Structures are given as structure tokens and as C-alpha cells.
PDB file of N, CA and C in Angstrom:
ATOM      1  N   UNK A   1      36.851 -17.467  23.025  1.00  0.00           N
ATOM      2  CA  UNK A   1      36.449 -18.897  23.240  1.00  0.00           C
ATOM      3  C   UNK A   1      37.618 -19.826  23.813  1.00  0.00           C
ATOM      4  N   UNK A   2      38.821 -19.633  23.361  1.00  0.00           N
ATOM      5  CA  UNK A   2      39.779 -20.182  23.949  1.00  0.00           C
ATOM      6  C   UNK A   2      40.031 -20.097  25.443  1.00  0.00           C
ATOM      7  N   UNK A   3      39.873 -18.461  25.663  1.00  0.00           N
ATOM      8  CA  UNK A   3      39.947 -18.174  27.280  1.00  0.00           C
ATOM      9  C   UNK A   3      38.939 -18.924  27.888  1.00  0.00           C
ATOM     10  N   UNK A   4      37.876 -19.112  27.677  1.00  0.00           N
ATOM     11  CA  UNK A   4      36.751 -19.898  28.216  1.00  0.00           C
ATOM     12  C   UNK A   4      37.294 -21.437  28.287  1.00  0.00           C
ATOM     13  N   UNK A   5      37.673 -21.966  27.502  1.00  0.00           N
ATOM     14  CA  UNK A   5      38.144 -23.326  27.614  1.00  0.00           C
ATOM     15  C   UNK A   5      39.352 -23.521  28.607  1.00  0.00           C
ATOM     16  N   UNK A   6      40.331 -22.489  28.489  1.00  0.00           N
ATOM     17  CA  UNK A   6      41.537 -22.571  29.539  1.00  0.00           C
ATOM     18  C   UNK A   6      40.916 -22.280  30.895  1.00  0.00           C
ATOM     19  N   UNK A   7      40.101 -21.260  31.297  1.00  0.00           N
ATOM     20  CA  UNK A   7      39.491 -21.097  32.508  1.00  0.00           C
ATOM     21  C   UNK A   7      38.687 -22.505  32.920  1.00  0.00           C
ATOM     22  N   UNK A   8      37.973 -23.061  32.007  1.00  0.00           N
ATOM     23  CA  UNK A   8      37.375 -24.356  32.418  1.00  0.00           C
ATOM     24  C   UNK A   8      38.164 -25.484  32.836  1.00  0.00           C
ATOM     25  N   UNK A   9      39.355 -25.386  32.085  1.00  0.00           N
ATOM     26  CA  UNK A   9      40.476 -26.401  32.536  1.00  0.00           C
ATOM     27  C   UNK A   9      41.019 -26.282  33.744  1.00  0.00           C
ATOM     28  N   UNK A  10      41.136 -24.985  34.186  1.00  0.00           N
ATOM     29  CA  UNK A  10      41.756 -24.653  35.314  1.00  0.00           C
ATOM     30  C   UNK A  10      40.951 -24.784  36.651  1.00  0.00           C
ATOM     31  N   UNK A  11      39.557 -24.503  36.111  1.00  0.00           N
ATOM     32  CA  UNK A  11      38.661 -24.862  37.220  1.00  0.00           C
ATOM     33  C   UNK A  11      38.561 -26.543  37.720  1.00  0.00           C
ATOM     34  N   UNK A  12      38.635 -27.228  36.377  1.00  0.00           N
ATOM     35  CA  UNK A  12      38.576 -28.671  36.657  1.00  0.00           C
ATOM     36  C   UNK A  12      39.791 -29.282  37.179  1.00  0.00           C
ATOM     37  N   UNK A  13      40.895 -28.691  37.042  1.00  0.00           N
ATOM     38  CA  UNK A  13      42.255 -29.030  37.671  1.00  0.00           C
ATOM     39  C   UNK A  13      42.403 -28.650  39.171  1.00  0.00           C
ATOM     40  N   UNK A  14      41.511 -27.759  39.524  1.00  0.00           N
ATOM     41  CA  UNK A  14      41.626 -27.123  41.009  1.00  0.00           C
ATOM     42  C   UNK A  14      41.941 -26.057  41.143  1.00  0.00           C
ATOM     43  N   UNK A  15      43.194 -25.372  40.634  1.00  0.00           N
ATOM     44  CA  UNK A  15      43.536 -23.988  41.105  1.00  0.00           C
ATOM     45  C   UNK A  15      42.521 -22.828  41.086  1.00  0.00           C
ATOM     46  N   UNK A  16      41.694 -22.881  40.206  1.00  0.00           N
ATOM     47  CA  UNK A  16      40.675 -21.621  39.965  1.00  0.00           C
ATOM     48  C   UNK A  16      39.417 -22.161  40.674  1.00  0.00           C
ATOM     49  N   UNK A  17      38.803 -21.172  41.259  1.00  0.00           N
ATOM     50  CA  UNK A  17      37.553 -21.562  41.896  1.00  0.00           C
ATOM     51  C   UNK A  17      36.317 -21.251  40.909  1.00  0.00           C
ATOM     52  N   UNK A  18      35.226 -22.047  40.808  1.00  0.00           N
ATOM     53  CA  UNK A  18      34.202 -21.979  40.127  1.00  0.00           C
ATOM     54  C   UNK A  18      33.520 -23.213  39.683  1.00  0.00           C
ATOM     55  N   UNK A  19      32.611 -23.090  38.932  1.00  0.00           N
ATOM     56  CA  UNK A  19      31.727 -24.397  38.705  1.00  0.00           C
ATOM     57  C   UNK A  19      32.329 -25.244  37.561  1.00  0.00           C
ATOM     58  N   UNK A  20      32.437 -26.532  37.579  1.00  0.00           N
ATOM     59  CA  UNK A  20      33.023 -27.334  36.446  1.00  0.00           C
ATOM     60  C   UNK A  20      31.691 -27.245  35.399  1.00  0.00           C
ATOM     61  N   UNK A  21      32.152 -27.620  34.265  1.00  0.00           N
ATOM     62  CA  UNK A  21      30.956 -27.654  33.236  1.00  0.00           C
ATOM     63  C   UNK A  21      29.918 -28.733  33.604  1.00  0.00           C
ATOM     64  N   UNK A  22      30.123 -29.748  34.023  1.00  0.00           N
ATOM     65  CA  UNK A  22      28.980 -30.719  34.581  1.00  0.00           C
ATOM     66  C   UNK A  22      28.046 -29.975  35.606  1.00  0.00           C
ATOM     67  N   UNK A  23      28.804 -29.506  36.539  1.00  0.00           N
ATOM     68  CA  UNK A  23      28.021 -28.614  37.612  1.00  0.00           C
ATOM     69  C   UNK A  23      27.086 -27.650  36.997  1.00  0.00           C
ATOM     70  N   UNK A  24      27.635 -26.780  36.120  1.00  0.00           N
ATOM     71  CA  UNK A  24      27.000 -25.700  35.237  1.00  0.00           C
ATOM     72  C   UNK A  24      25.953 -26.094  34.572  1.00  0.00           C
ATOM     73  N   UNK A  25      25.962 -27.374  34.035  1.00  0.00           N
ATOM     74  CA  UNK A  25      24.991 -27.776  33.184  1.00  0.00           C
ATOM     75  C   UNK A  25      23.608 -27.807  33.791  1.00  0.00           C
ATOM     76  N   UNK A  26      23.654 -28.481  34.958  1.00  0.00           N
ATOM     77  CA  UNK A  26      22.505 -28.717  35.668  1.00  0.00           C
ATOM     78  C   UNK A  26      21.524 -27.444  35.842  1.00  0.00           C
ATOM     79  N   UNK A  27      22.157 -26.268  36.618  1.00  0.00           N
ATOM     80  CA  UNK A  27      21.251 -25.071  36.788  1.00  0.00           C
ATOM     81  C   UNK A  27      20.679 -24.541  35.204  1.00  0.00           C
ATOM     82  N   UNK A  28      21.615 -24.604  34.366  1.00  0.00           N
ATOM     83  CA  UNK A  28      21.266 -24.255  33.001  1.00  0.00           C
ATOM     84  C   UNK A  28      20.166 -24.979  32.470  1.00  0.00           C
ATOM     85  N   UNK A  29      20.102 -26.179  32.673  1.00  0.00           N
ATOM     86  CA  UNK A  29      19.000 -27.026  32.091  1.00  0.00           C
ATOM     87  C   UNK A  29      17.676 -26.775  33.089  1.00  0.00           C
ATOM     88  N   UNK A  30      17.855 -26.456  34.350  1.00  0.00           N
ATOM     89  CA  UNK A  30      16.834 -26.187  35.217  1.00  0.00           C
ATOM     90  C   UNK A  30      16.207 -24.661  34.693  1.00  0.00           C
ATOM     91  N   UNK A  31      17.060 -23.782  34.249  1.00  0.00           N
ATOM     92  CA  UNK A  31      16.573 -22.405  33.838  1.00  0.00           C
ATOM     93  C   UNK A  31      15.734 -22.596  32.588  1.00  0.00           C
ATOM     94  N   UNK A  32      16.343 -23.341  31.650  1.00  0.00           N
ATOM     95  CA  UNK A  32      15.573 -23.565  30.274  1.00  0.00           C
ATOM     96  C   UNK A  32      14.257 -24.297  30.497  1.00  0.00           C
ATOM     97  N   UNK A  33      14.176 -25.226  31.640  1.00  0.00           N
ATOM     98  CA  UNK A  33      12.738 -25.771  32.012  1.00  0.00           C
ATOM     99  C   UNK A  33      12.048 -24.780  32.570  1.00  0.00           C
ATOM    100  N   UNK A  34      12.455 -24.112  33.319  1.00  0.00           N
ATOM    101  CA  UNK A  34      11.592 -23.114  34.005  1.00  0.00           C
ATOM    102  C   UNK A  34      10.768 -22.147  32.940  1.00  0.00           C
ATOM    103  N   UNK A  35      11.745 -21.702  31.764  1.00  0.00           N
ATOM    104  CA  UNK A  35      11.141 -20.798  30.847  1.00  0.00           C
ATOM    105  C   UNK A  35      10.126 -21.162  30.009  1.00  0.00           C
ATOM    106  N   UNK A  36      10.355 -22.747  29.775  1.00  0.00           N
ATOM    107  CA  UNK A  36       9.172 -23.730  29.078  1.00  0.00           C
ATOM    108  C   UNK A  36       8.239 -23.710  29.882  1.00  0.00           C
ATOM    109  N   UNK A  37       8.191 -23.832  31.148  1.00  0.00           N
ATOM    110  CA  UNK A  37       6.989 -24.005  32.015  1.00  0.00           C
ATOM    111  C   UNK A  37       6.304 -22.583  32.190  1.00  0.00           C
ATOM    112  N   UNK A  38       6.980 -21.534  32.344  1.00  0.00           N
ATOM    113  CA  UNK A  38       6.451 -20.368  32.342  1.00  0.00           C
ATOM    114  C   UNK A  38       5.744 -19.723  31.108  1.00  0.00           C
ATOM    115  N   UNK A  39       6.122 -20.235  30.033  1.00  0.00           N
ATOM    116  CA  UNK A  39       5.405 -19.836  28.535  1.00  0.00           C
ATOM    117  C   UNK A  39       4.363 -20.900  28.304  1.00  0.00           C
ATOM    118  N   UNK A  40       4.144 -22.309  28.880  1.00  0.00           N
ATOM    119  CA  UNK A  40       3.114 -22.862  28.430  1.00  0.00           C
ATOM    120  C   UNK A  40       2.020 -22.352  28.652  1.00  0.00           C
ATOM    121  N   UNK A  41       1.406 -21.633  29.751  1.00  0.00           N
ATOM    122  CA  UNK A  41       0.193 -20.973  29.885  1.00  0.00           C
ATOM    123  C   UNK A  41      -0.310 -20.058  28.648  1.00  0.00           C
ATOM    124  N   UNK A  42       0.800 -19.250  28.259  1.00  0.00           N
ATOM    125  CA  UNK A  42       0.593 -18.225  27.360  1.00  0.00           C
ATOM    126  C   UNK A  42       0.424 -19.042  25.842  1.00  0.00           C
ATOM    127  N   UNK A  43       1.045 -19.897  25.683  1.00  0.00           N
ATOM    128  CA  UNK A  43       0.669 -20.709  24.475  1.00  0.00           C
ATOM    129  C   UNK A  43      -0.487 -21.366  24.415  1.00  0.00           C
ATOM    130  N   UNK A  44      -0.954 -21.916  25.613  1.00  0.00           N
ATOM    131  CA  UNK A  44      -2.312 -22.431  25.728  1.00  0.00           C
ATOM    132  C   UNK A  44      -3.305 -21.393  25.261  1.00  0.00           C
ATOM    133  N   UNK A  45      -3.192 -20.255  25.990  1.00  0.00           N
ATOM    134  CA  UNK A  45      -4.265 -19.385  25.655  1.00  0.00           C
ATOM    135  C   UNK A  45      -4.309 -18.803  24.226  1.00  0.00           C
ATOM    136  N   UNK A  46      -2.990 -18.800  23.614  1.00  0.00           N
ATOM    137  CA  UNK A  46      -3.031 -18.245  22.326  1.00  0.00           C
ATOM    138  C   UNK A  46      -3.726 -19.207  21.517  1.00  0.00           C
ATOM    139  N   UNK A  47      -3.436 -20.594  21.750  1.00  0.00           N
ATOM    140  CA  UNK A  47      -4.214 -21.648  20.925  1.00  0.00           C
ATOM    141  C   UNK A  47      -5.780 -21.677  20.985  1.00  0.00           C
ATOM    142  N   UNK A  48      -5.951 -21.434  22.351  1.00  0.00           N
ATOM    143  CA  UNK A  48      -7.570 -21.392  22.454  1.00  0.00           C
ATOM    144  C   UNK A  48      -8.038 -20.134  21.778  1.00  0.00           C
ATOM    145  N   UNK A  49      -7.564 -19.130  21.742  1.00  0.00           N
ATOM    146  CA  UNK A  49      -8.133 -17.959  20.867  1.00  0.00           C
ATOM    147  C   UNK A  49      -7.896 -18.263  19.475  1.00  0.00           C
ATOM    148  N   UNK A  50      -6.951 -18.908  19.028  1.00  0.00           N
ATOM    149  CA  UNK A  50      -6.824 -19.355  17.582  1.00  0.00           C
ATOM    150  C   UNK A  50      -7.646 -20.281  17.195  1.00  0.00           C
ATOM    151  N   UNK A  51      -7.825 -21.206  18.058  1.00  0.00           N
ATOM    152  CA  UNK A  51      -8.934 -22.439  17.586  1.00  0.00           C
ATOM    153  C   UNK A  51     -10.071 -22.601  18.734  1.00  0.00           C
ATOM    154  N   UNK A  52     -11.090 -21.646  18.930  1.00  0.00           N
ATOM    155  CA  UNK A  52     -11.899 -21.575  19.978  1.00  0.00           C
ATOM    156  C   UNK A  52     -12.849 -22.840  19.663  1.00  0.00           C
ATOM    157  N   UNK A  53     -13.386 -23.296  18.559  1.00  0.00           N
ATOM    158  CA  UNK A  53     -14.264 -24.181  18.516  1.00  0.00           C
ATOM    159  C   UNK A  53     -13.554 -25.793  18.722  1.00  0.00           C
ATOM    160  N   UNK A  54     -12.337 -26.050  18.628  1.00  0.00           N
ATOM    161  CA  UNK A  54     -11.610 -27.189  19.037  1.00  0.00           C
ATOM    162  C   UNK A  54     -11.710 -27.224  20.489  1.00  0.00           C
ATOM    163  N   UNK A  55     -11.309 -26.241  21.141  1.00  0.00           N
ATOM    164  CA  UNK A  55     -11.190 -25.971  22.773  1.00  0.00           C
ATOM    165  C   UNK A  55     -12.535 -26.461  23.181  1.00  0.00           C
ATOM    166  N   UNK A  56     -13.515 -25.781  22.571  1.00  0.00           N
ATOM    167  CA  UNK A  56     -14.781 -26.022  23.276  1.00  0.00           C
ATOM    168  C   UNK A  56     -15.262 -27.451  23.091  1.00  0.00           C
ATOM    169  N   UNK A  57     -14.930 -28.066  22.052  1.00  0.00           N
ATOM    170  CA  UNK A  57     -15.225 -29.567  21.876  1.00  0.00           C
ATOM    171  C   UNK A  57     -14.400 -30.476  22.827  1.00  0.00           C
ATOM    172  N   UNK A  58     -13.201 -29.922  22.969  1.00  0.00           N
ATOM    173  CA  UNK A  58     -12.065 -30.704  23.875  1.00  0.00           C
ATOM    174  C   UNK A  58     -12.543 -30.773  25.204  1.00  0.00           C
ATOM    175  N   UNK A  59     -13.295 -29.524  25.606  1.00  0.00           N
ATOM    176  CA  UNK A  59     -13.828 -29.404  27.172  1.00  0.00           C
ATOM    177  C   UNK A  59     -15.040 -30.206  27.292  1.00  0.00           C
ATOM    178  N   UNK A  60     -15.565 -30.498  26.305  1.00  0.00           N
ATOM    179  CA  UNK A  60     -16.914 -31.287  26.232  1.00  0.00           C
ATOM    180  C   UNK A  60     -16.710 -32.749  26.569  1.00  0.00           C
ATOM    181  N   UNK A  61     -15.703 -33.232  25.853  1.00  0.00           N
ATOM    182  CA  UNK A  61     -15.488 -34.644  25.892  1.00  0.00           C
ATOM    183  C   UNK A  61     -14.981 -34.973  27.557  1.00  0.00           C
ATOM    184  N   UNK A  62     -15.487 -36.200  27.699  1.00  0.00           N
ATOM    185  CA  UNK A  62     -14.839 -36.542  29.065  1.00  0.00           C
ATOM    186  C   UNK A  62     -13.417 -37.101  29.201  1.00  0.00           C
TER     187      UNK A  62
END
């Protein structure tokens, strides 16, 4: 853990190449959002199978 902090310090200071913590946060957040979006259809299918009568009523309502 300390090794990681020291490496991030060297990256921020400039002598070592790599992503700064702030630059690395954006792709990580994007990967988390993609995972959520990929799982949403499966969750919706599961909910429809679990509660088919509520799903039918929701589809009938305008």
C-alpha cells in the first residue's frame, strides 16, 4: 500500500510516467458505469419474471 502511494507521488511529481490519481479516476468511473449499464437488461428481465402481473399492468398503462 505504501509502495502504491509513493509511486503515485512520483507520478504526480513528474519523474515517473503513468496516470495521476485524478486522471485514473475518470476511466475507472466509466468502467463502473458500463458494468451497471450492461447489467440493467438482466435485472429488468429478472424483475419481469419475478413479478409478471405487475409488468403486464405497467405495459397496459399509457
